[in-house]
Amino acid sequence: MSKLKSFNASCTLCPRLARHLRDQRSHFPSYFNGPVPAFGANTGDLLIVGLAPGLHGANRTGRPFTGDYAGVLLYETLYEFGYGSHAGSADANDALELRNCRITNAVKCLPPANKPELAEVKECNSYLTVEIGNFAPKAILALGVVAHAAVLRALGGRPTDYPFRHGAKHDLRGITEAKKRSMFLFDSYHCSRYNTQTRRLTAAMFKDVFTDIGSYLSEVR
């Protein structure tokens, strides 16, 4: 494995994504238009991993899941379960604080059509590995199959050994990078507008996942 890389706010290692961000700077000059850093507590129990910044969400505001539809359900749920100081997610200057929780993405830059290529996910995976190691969570919530696979790859595991399924809970202590601590991976469908409007993911389903996470964390504390 090549040397791990910490998050780089000036990263241009993925040519397609770098070109796309350059295009967005001309179309939306007031937007953040760069690799989006993680947001939340520096240490804690829960790390949430999404897919990538949305054009008018994190790519605009510079904060994961802030300013777009996907963030509404996520931040409302985080507030309800005691992780957030309030339920809003519209603006990165809204004084929102996360407690015992941090949010990041498998891919840090806005991808065309919200679809990163596999090579881009792999290129960004070093950042995720470092983030997991630094944050040292007891629980990781993957929002969608791409985030699920990225987490496993970051820890040295194989996605085929831990199939994605909404509501699934995976014991990661069998993976080399996770042996030193108790760590579980929880799966949820992504809280995107499409998934919530088609009711593939309902608010009740999403909250059930957080209830499972809370029960697990209560057991391991």
Protein backbone atom coordinates (compact mmCIF):
# COMPACT_ATOMS: atom_id res chain seq x y z
CA MET A 1 0.00 0.00 0.00
CA SER A 2 1.25 3.52 -0.79
CA LYS A 3 1.85 5.99 2.01
CA LEU A 4 -1.41 7.17 3.53
CA LYS A 5 -2.41 10.76 2.85
CA SER A 6 -4.14 13.13 5.24
CA PHE A 7 -6.92 15.35 3.89
CA ASN A 8 -5.63 17.97 1.48
CA ALA A 9 -7.88 20.95 0.82
CA SER A 10 -5.98 21.60 -2.42
CA CYS A 11 -6.11 18.02 -3.72
CA THR A 12 -6.28 17.62 -7.53
CA LEU A 13 -5.28 13.95 -7.77
CA CYS A 14 -8.42 12.97 -9.71
CA PRO A 15 -8.22 14.77 -13.08
CA ARG A 16 -11.93 14.39 -13.93
CA LEU A 17 -13.01 15.78 -10.55
CA ALA A 18 -10.47 18.61 -10.68
CA ARG A 19 -11.76 19.63 -14.13
CA HIS A 20 -15.34 19.45 -12.92
CA LEU A 21 -14.59 21.73 -9.97
CA ARG A 22 -12.88 24.21 -12.28
CA ASP A 23 -16.04 24.27 -14.39
CA GLN A 24 -18.20 24.86 -11.33
CA ARG A 25 -16.04 27.80 -10.26
CA SER A 26 -16.98 29.55 -13.48
CA HIS A 27 -20.67 28.64 -13.17
CA PHE A 28 -20.99 29.22 -9.42
CA PRO A 29 -18.15 31.51 -8.32
CA SER A 30 -19.62 32.04 -4.84
CA TYR A 31 -19.65 28.30 -4.08
CA PHE A 32 -17.02 26.46 -2.02
CA ASN A 33 -15.99 24.39 -5.08
CA GLY A 34 -13.23 22.35 -3.48
CA PRO A 35 -12.51 19.17 -1.52
CA VAL A 36 -14.94 19.24 1.41
CA PRO A 37 -13.44 18.50 4.84
CA ALA A 38 -15.08 16.39 7.51
CA PHE A 39 -17.33 18.11 10.04
CA GLY A 40 -18.00 17.47 13.70
CA ALA A 41 -16.30 16.45 16.91
CA ASN A 42 -12.58 15.65 16.85
CA THR A 43 -13.13 12.50 18.93
CA GLY A 44 -16.22 10.46 19.58
CA ASP A 45 -18.12 7.23 19.11
CA LEU A 46 -19.88 7.66 15.74
CA LEU A 47 -18.42 8.41 12.32
CA ILE A 48 -20.90 8.88 9.47
CA VAL A 49 -19.66 8.33 5.92
CA GLY A 50 -21.63 9.59 2.94
CA LEU A 51 -20.95 9.38 -0.79
CA ALA A 52 -19.71 12.76 -2.05
CA PRO A 53 -20.59 16.48 -1.91
CA GLY A 54 -23.77 17.55 -3.71
CA LEU A 55 -23.60 20.40 -6.20
CA HIS A 56 -25.86 22.81 -4.31
CA GLY A 57 -25.19 21.26 -0.90
CA ALA A 58 -21.71 20.59 0.44
CA ASN A 59 -20.07 21.85 -2.75
CA ARG A 60 -21.82 25.17 -2.16
CA THR A 61 -21.45 25.44 1.61
CA GLY A 62 -18.21 23.55 2.29
CA ARG A 63 -19.81 21.37 4.97
CA PRO A 64 -20.99 17.76 4.46
CA PHE A 65 -24.74 17.39 3.91
CA THR A 66 -25.31 21.11 4.50
CA GLY A 67 -27.62 23.04 2.23
CA ASP A 68 -29.25 20.20 0.31
CA TYR A 69 -32.20 17.87 0.75
CA ALA A 70 -30.16 14.91 1.98
CA GLY A 71 -29.02 16.91 4.98
CA VAL A 72 -32.52 17.63 6.21
CA LEU A 73 -33.27 14.11 7.44
CA LEU A 74 -29.68 13.51 8.57
CA TYR A 75 -29.35 16.61 10.74
CA GLU A 76 -32.89 16.33 12.10
CA THR A 77 -32.10 12.76 13.16
CA LEU A 78 -28.74 13.71 14.65
CA TYR A 79 -30.48 16.39 16.72
CA GLU A 80 -33.18 13.99 17.87
CA PHE A 81 -30.58 11.47 19.04
CA GLY A 82 -28.48 14.03 20.86
CA TYR A 83 -25.61 14.38 18.40
CA GLY A 84 -26.47 17.84 17.09
CA SER A 85 -26.94 21.18 18.82
CA HIS A 86 -29.89 21.97 16.54
CA ALA A 87 -31.70 20.47 13.58
CA GLY A 88 -30.74 22.93 10.85
CA SER A 89 -28.47 22.19 7.93
CA ALA A 90 -28.94 25.08 5.51
CA ASP A 91 -25.77 27.09 6.07
CA ALA A 92 -22.25 26.34 7.27
CA ASN A 93 -22.36 29.49 9.44
CA ASP A 94 -25.41 28.40 11.42
CA ALA A 95 -23.36 27.58 14.58
CA LEU A 96 -24.34 23.90 14.42
CA GLU A 97 -22.14 21.69 16.57
CA LEU A 98 -21.94 17.92 16.58
CA ARG A 99 -21.32 16.02 19.80
CA ASN A 100 -19.67 12.60 19.86
CA CYS A 101 -20.11 12.39 16.08
CA ARG A 102 -18.29 13.35 12.89
CA ILE A 103 -19.42 13.34 9.25
CA THR A 104 -17.28 12.80 6.16
CA ASN A 105 -17.62 11.48 2.61
CA ALA A 106 -16.04 8.61 0.72
CA VAL A 107 -15.15 11.11 -2.04
CA LYS A 108 -14.28 14.66 -1.00
CA CYS A 109 -14.96 16.43 -4.32
CA LEU A 110 -18.15 16.96 -6.27
CA PRO A 111 -18.43 14.29 -9.01
CA PRO A 112 -20.28 14.84 -12.30
CA ALA A 113 -23.89 13.64 -12.04
CA ASN A 114 -23.20 12.74 -8.37
CA LYS A 115 -21.46 9.57 -9.55
CA PRO A 116 -17.79 9.12 -8.66
CA GLU A 117 -15.81 6.56 -10.63
CA LEU A 118 -14.28 3.60 -8.80
CA ALA A 119 -10.76 4.92 -9.39
CA GLU A 120 -11.78 8.19 -7.71
CA VAL A 121 -13.22 6.40 -4.71
CA LYS A 122 -9.98 4.44 -4.38
CA GLU A 123 -7.81 7.55 -4.77
CA CYS A 124 -9.72 9.26 -1.96
CA ASN A 125 -9.66 6.18 0.26
CA SER A 126 -6.38 7.11 1.92
CA TYR A 127 -8.05 10.19 3.38
CA LEU A 128 -10.83 8.05 4.81
CA THR A 129 -8.33 5.60 6.32
CA VAL A 130 -6.57 8.44 8.12
CA GLU A 131 -9.88 9.94 9.25
CA ILE A 132 -11.04 6.65 10.75
CA GLY A 133 -7.70 6.15 12.47
CA ASN A 134 -7.65 9.65 13.93
CA PHE A 135 -11.27 9.68 15.05
CA ALA A 136 -11.18 6.08 16.32
CA PRO A 137 -14.95 5.54 16.32
CA LYS A 138 -16.73 2.64 17.97
CA ALA A 139 -19.45 2.77 15.30
CA ILE A 140 -19.37 3.79 11.65
CA LEU A 141 -22.58 4.50 9.73
CA ALA A 142 -22.27 4.03 5.97
CA LEU A 143 -24.88 5.87 3.93
CA GLY A 144 -25.19 3.74 0.83
CA VAL A 145 -23.24 0.94 -0.80
CA VAL A 146 -20.37 3.11 -2.09
CA ALA A 147 -19.67 4.47 1.40
CA HIS A 148 -20.02 0.94 2.81
CA ALA A 149 -17.38 -0.42 0.42
CA ALA A 150 -15.12 2.57 0.99
CA VAL A 151 -15.13 2.05 4.77
CA LEU A 152 -14.24 -1.62 4.39
CA ARG A 153 -11.49 -0.83 1.88
CA ALA A 154 -10.10 1.84 4.23
CA LEU A 155 -9.85 -0.73 7.02
CA GLY A 156 -8.32 -3.42 4.83
CA GLY A 157 -11.47 -5.49 4.50
CA ARG A 158 -13.32 -6.88 1.49
CA PRO A 159 -16.86 -5.67 0.73
CA THR A 160 -17.79 -9.17 -0.45
CA ASP A 161 -17.26 -10.44 3.10
CA TYR A 162 -19.67 -7.86 4.53
CA PRO A 163 -22.63 -7.47 2.13
CA PHE A 164 -24.43 -4.14 2.21
CA ARG A 165 -28.00 -4.26 3.47
CA HIS A 166 -30.08 -1.49 4.98
CA GLY A 167 -30.19 -2.00 8.74
CA ALA A 168 -27.26 -4.42 8.76
CA LYS A 169 -24.69 -4.40 11.56
CA HIS A 170 -21.22 -5.76 10.81
CA ASP A 171 -18.61 -6.71 13.42
CA LEU A 172 -15.32 -5.42 12.00
CA ARG A 173 -12.99 -6.87 14.60
CA GLY A 174 -11.95 -9.57 12.13
CA ILE A 175 -10.33 -6.93 9.91
CA THR A 176 -6.68 -6.25 10.63
CA GLU A 177 -7.04 -2.48 11.01
CA ALA A 178 -9.99 -2.84 13.39
CA LYS A 179 -8.63 -5.56 15.69
CA LYS A 180 -7.29 -3.14 18.27
CA ARG A 181 -10.75 -1.91 19.21
CA SER A 182 -14.40 -2.88 19.10
CA MET A 183 -15.77 -1.42 15.89
CA PHE A 184 -19.06 -2.07 14.13
CA LEU A 185 -20.25 -0.89 10.73
CA PHE A 186 -23.93 -0.01 10.38
CA ASP A 187 -25.60 0.28 6.97
CA SER A 188 -28.36 2.59 5.81
CA TYR A 189 -29.71 3.60 2.46
CA HIS A 190 -28.46 7.06 1.61
CA CYS A 191 -30.77 9.84 2.81
CA SER A 192 -30.98 11.33 -0.68
CA ARG A 193 -34.01 13.10 -2.08
CA TYR A 194 -34.66 10.16 -4.43
CA ASN A 195 -34.57 7.54 -1.67
CA THR A 196 -36.75 9.51 0.73
CA GLN A 197 -39.30 10.66 -1.86
CA THR A 198 -39.69 7.15 -3.27
CA ARG A 199 -39.88 5.91 0.35
CA ARG A 200 -37.09 3.46 -0.17
CA LEU A 201 -35.86 5.14 3.00
CA THR A 202 -38.38 6.56 5.45
CA ALA A 203 -37.68 8.68 8.51
CA ALA A 204 -38.75 5.76 10.69
CA MET A 205 -36.33 3.40 8.93
CA PHE A 206 -33.50 5.88 9.35
CA LYS A 207 -34.26 6.41 13.03
CA ASP A 208 -34.33 2.65 13.59
CA VAL A 209 -30.69 2.52 12.45
CA PHE A 210 -29.75 5.23 14.94
CA THR A 211 -31.62 3.37 17.65
CA ASP A 212 -29.52 0.27 16.87
CA ILE A 213 -26.35 2.36 16.97
CA GLY A 214 -27.37 3.82 20.33
CA SER A 215 -28.06 0.39 21.78
CA TYR A 216 -24.68 -0.87 20.60
CA LEU A 217 -22.82 2.13 21.99
CA SER A 218 -24.55 1.73 25.34
CA GLU A 219 -23.29 -1.86 25.49
CA VAL A 220 -19.64 -1.10 24.71
CA ARG A 221 -19.17 2.00 26.90
